Amino acid sequence: MKMIHVITLFMAIIGGMHFVLTGIGGTDLITTIFGTTHTTLIHLIIGASIMWHVTPMIKTHLATL
């Protein structure tokens, strides 16, 4: 697996865990792991990582229509 896939997959998993923990218990996983500086940048990286993995699935789905 390419290194970019490993990194983006890790960030997407962290993002998913963040949303679950924030929704259930109000725990901010991003702040816990990365600290309070640059949390907006970390959220943008997580969003880009999720799009990196979702875009091929959307292209495949649209090609079958």
Protein backbone atom coordinates (compact mmCIF):
# COMPACT_ATOMS: atom_id res chain seq x y z
CA MET A 1 0.00 0.00 0.00
CA LYS A 2 1.32 3.44 -0.84
CA MET A 3 2.43 5.57 2.09
CA ILE A 4 -0.15 8.26 1.27
CA HIS A 5 -2.92 5.66 1.62
CA VAL A 6 -1.60 4.54 5.00
CA ILE A 7 -1.38 8.10 6.30
CA THR A 8 -4.79 9.15 4.99
CA LEU A 9 -6.40 5.96 6.28
CA PHE A 10 -4.92 6.61 9.74
CA MET A 11 -6.22 10.18 9.69
CA ALA A 12 -9.66 9.05 8.51
CA ILE A 13 -9.83 6.51 11.34
CA ILE A 14 -8.79 9.18 13.85
CA GLY A 15 -11.50 11.45 12.42
CA GLY A 16 -14.15 8.76 12.74
CA MET A 17 -13.14 8.02 16.31
CA HIS A 18 -13.21 11.76 17.04
CA PHE A 19 -16.79 12.12 15.81
CA VAL A 20 -17.97 9.05 17.75
CA LEU A 21 -16.30 10.11 21.00
CA THR A 22 -17.52 13.69 20.65
CA GLY A 23 -21.08 12.52 20.02
CA ILE A 24 -21.18 9.98 22.85
CA GLY A 25 -19.15 11.49 25.62
CA GLY A 26 -18.16 14.99 24.57
CA THR A 27 -14.47 14.03 24.51
CA ASP A 28 -12.42 15.95 21.94
CA LEU A 29 -9.99 13.32 20.64
CA ILE A 30 -8.20 15.74 18.30
CA THR A 31 -7.33 18.10 21.15
CA THR A 32 -6.28 15.16 23.32
CA ILE A 33 -3.90 13.76 20.69
CA PHE A 34 -2.58 16.87 18.94
CA GLY A 35 -3.09 19.64 21.52
CA THR A 36 -5.00 22.88 21.09
CA THR A 37 -2.71 24.55 18.55
CA HIS A 38 -3.66 24.04 14.89
CA THR A 39 -6.86 22.02 15.55
CA THR A 40 -8.48 23.66 12.53
CA LEU A 41 -5.60 22.50 10.34
CA ILE A 42 -5.88 18.96 11.73
CA HIS A 43 -9.63 18.94 11.00
CA LEU A 44 -8.93 20.07 7.42
CA ILE A 45 -6.34 17.30 6.99
CA ILE A 46 -8.80 14.74 8.32
CA GLY A 47 -11.48 16.00 5.92
CA ALA A 48 -9.07 15.80 2.98
CA SER A 49 -8.06 12.29 4.05
CA ILE A 50 -11.68 11.16 4.09
CA MET A 51 -12.23 12.66 0.64
CA TRP A 52 -9.09 10.86 -0.60
CA HIS A 53 -10.74 7.54 0.26
CA VAL A 54 -14.33 8.40 -0.69
CA THR A 55 -13.67 9.92 -4.13
CA PRO A 56 -12.71 6.61 -5.86
CA MET A 57 -15.87 4.98 -4.49
CA ILE A 58 -18.01 7.83 -5.81
CA LYS A 59 -16.33 7.65 -9.24
CA THR A 60 -16.93 3.89 -9.38
CA HIS A 61 -20.57 4.31 -8.38
CA LEU A 62 -21.19 7.06 -10.94
CA ALA A 63 -19.54 4.97 -13.69
CA THR A 64 -22.07 2.17 -13.13
CA LEU A 65 -25.11 4.44 -13.56
